[in-house]
Amino acid sequence: MATLQSLDPSTPMFAQFEEKTGPIVLANTFVVPKERTDAFLSLFRRQAEFMKAQPGFVSLQMHKGTAGSQLLMNVAVWESTEALATALGSPEFQRMAADFPDDIVSYPHIFERIDA
């Protein structure tokens, strides 16, 4: 399973689910060794298909860092923290998450849109 790290140490990922809000954006940055990129994306696409079928899912985009970066970033919009938590907690998602190698590091964080 990928290693989860907090992007903001003062707000761990699981604490973010305590705030019932929505719509939300899950920004998840992954550090993926270059030789694992294709295998990672194959697993990610399988997870994405599952997530797209879940209640409360709105949209998803994957981005790749430039200039040979090892970073990939998923940006997913959900109707609420509850919908995302339910999808992430499902046994099927947990089985898929366990397939990711341990040398992948994930930095997930939940955001709310604000007016600029």
Protein backbone atom coordinates (compact mmCIF):
# COMPACT_ATOMS: atom_id res chain seq x y z
CA MET A 1 0.00 0.00 0.00
CA ALA A 2 1.24 3.52 -0.74
CA THR A 3 2.58 5.49 2.20
CA LEU A 4 0.22 8.32 3.24
CA GLN A 5 1.80 11.57 4.43
CA SER A 6 0.13 14.78 5.59
CA LEU A 7 0.63 17.74 3.30
CA ASP A 8 -0.27 19.96 6.27
CA PRO A 9 0.98 18.32 9.49
CA SER A 10 -1.42 20.42 11.57
CA THR A 11 -4.38 18.87 9.72
CA PRO A 12 -3.99 15.12 9.16
CA MET A 13 -6.08 13.60 6.39
CA PHE A 14 -8.42 11.66 8.65
CA ALA A 15 -9.11 14.78 10.75
CA GLN A 16 -10.27 16.53 7.59
CA PHE A 17 -13.21 14.14 7.34
CA GLU A 18 -14.54 15.41 10.69
CA GLU A 19 -15.64 18.63 8.99
CA LYS A 20 -18.87 17.87 7.16
CA THR A 21 -18.77 20.14 4.14
CA GLY A 22 -19.09 20.21 0.39
CA PRO A 23 -18.52 20.47 -2.39
CA ILE A 24 -14.87 19.58 -1.85
CA VAL A 25 -11.73 19.02 -3.87
CA LEU A 26 -9.37 16.20 -3.02
CA ALA A 27 -5.88 17.09 -4.25
CA ASN A 28 -3.62 14.07 -3.94
CA THR A 29 0.04 14.43 -4.93
CA PHE A 30 1.93 11.19 -5.48
CA VAL A 31 5.69 10.69 -5.58
CA VAL A 32 6.15 7.83 -8.04
CA PRO A 33 9.55 6.40 -9.03
CA LYS A 34 9.88 6.90 -12.79
CA GLU A 35 10.18 3.16 -13.46
CA ARG A 36 6.80 2.62 -11.74
CA THR A 37 4.83 5.35 -13.52
CA ASP A 38 3.10 3.10 -16.07
CA ALA A 39 2.17 0.47 -13.46
CA PHE A 40 0.97 3.19 -11.07
CA LEU A 41 -1.25 4.77 -13.73
CA SER A 42 -2.74 1.39 -14.62
CA LEU A 43 -3.73 0.83 -10.98
CA PHE A 44 -4.91 4.42 -10.63
CA ARG A 45 -7.17 4.13 -13.67
CA ARG A 46 -8.79 1.05 -12.14
CA GLN A 47 -9.42 3.01 -8.92
CA ALA A 48 -10.71 5.99 -10.89
CA GLU A 49 -13.31 3.86 -12.68
CA PHE A 50 -14.54 2.62 -9.32
CA MET A 51 -14.67 6.13 -7.85
CA LYS A 52 -16.55 7.55 -10.85
CA ALA A 53 -19.40 5.12 -10.09
CA GLN A 54 -19.69 6.18 -6.43
CA PRO A 55 -22.47 8.44 -5.10
CA GLY A 56 -21.27 12.01 -4.71
CA PHE A 57 -18.46 11.81 -7.27
CA VAL A 58 -18.32 14.87 -9.57
CA SER A 59 -15.08 14.86 -11.57
CA LEU A 60 -11.45 13.79 -11.68
CA GLN A 61 -8.27 14.88 -13.45
CA MET A 62 -4.74 13.49 -13.25
CA HIS A 63 -1.75 15.75 -13.82
CA LYS A 64 1.94 14.97 -14.37
CA GLY A 65 4.84 17.12 -13.18
CA THR A 66 6.99 18.67 -15.89
CA ALA A 67 10.73 18.50 -16.59
CA GLY A 68 11.11 14.85 -15.65
CA SER A 69 9.40 15.21 -12.27
CA GLN A 70 8.35 12.10 -10.34
CA LEU A 71 5.12 13.83 -9.23
CA LEU A 72 1.61 12.97 -10.31
CA MET A 73 -1.40 14.84 -8.93
CA ASN A 74 -5.01 13.76 -8.86
CA VAL A 75 -7.63 16.49 -8.47
CA ALA A 76 -11.08 15.09 -7.71
CA VAL A 77 -14.29 16.98 -6.94
CA TRP A 78 -16.86 15.41 -4.62
CA GLU A 79 -20.24 16.61 -3.39
CA SER A 80 -19.18 16.23 0.26
CA THR A 81 -16.59 14.92 2.68
CA GLU A 82 -19.10 12.21 3.64
CA ALA A 83 -19.36 10.93 0.06
CA LEU A 84 -15.58 10.81 -0.29
CA ALA A 85 -15.13 9.09 3.08
CA THR A 86 -17.70 6.45 2.18
CA ALA A 87 -16.00 5.72 -1.15
CA LEU A 88 -12.52 5.56 0.40
CA GLY A 89 -13.74 3.31 3.20
CA SER A 90 -15.40 0.75 0.94
CA PRO A 91 -13.87 -2.73 0.99
CA GLU A 92 -13.45 -2.71 -2.80
CA PHE A 93 -11.46 0.55 -2.73
CA GLN A 94 -9.37 -0.72 0.19
CA ARG A 95 -8.46 -3.86 -1.79
CA MET A 96 -7.36 -1.74 -4.75
CA ALA A 97 -5.38 0.63 -2.52
CA ALA A 98 -3.48 -2.33 -1.08
CA ASP A 99 -2.15 -3.07 -4.59
CA PHE A 100 -0.03 0.11 -4.69
CA PRO A 101 3.66 -0.52 -3.90
CA ASP A 102 5.08 0.73 -0.60
CA ASP A 103 7.58 3.03 -2.34
CA ILE A 104 4.76 5.28 -3.62
CA VAL A 105 4.16 8.26 -1.32
CA SER A 106 0.77 9.99 -1.30
CA TYR A 107 0.02 13.49 0.03
CA PRO A 108 -3.79 13.84 0.05
CA HIS A 109 -5.56 16.97 1.24
CA ILE A 110 -9.17 18.17 1.11
CA PHE A 111 -9.93 21.72 -0.03
CA GLU A 112 -13.00 23.94 -0.29
CA ARG A 113 -13.40 26.48 -3.05
CA ILE A 114 -13.16 30.12 -2.03
CA ASP A 115 -13.66 33.31 -4.00
CA ALA A 116 -10.36 34.84 -5.14
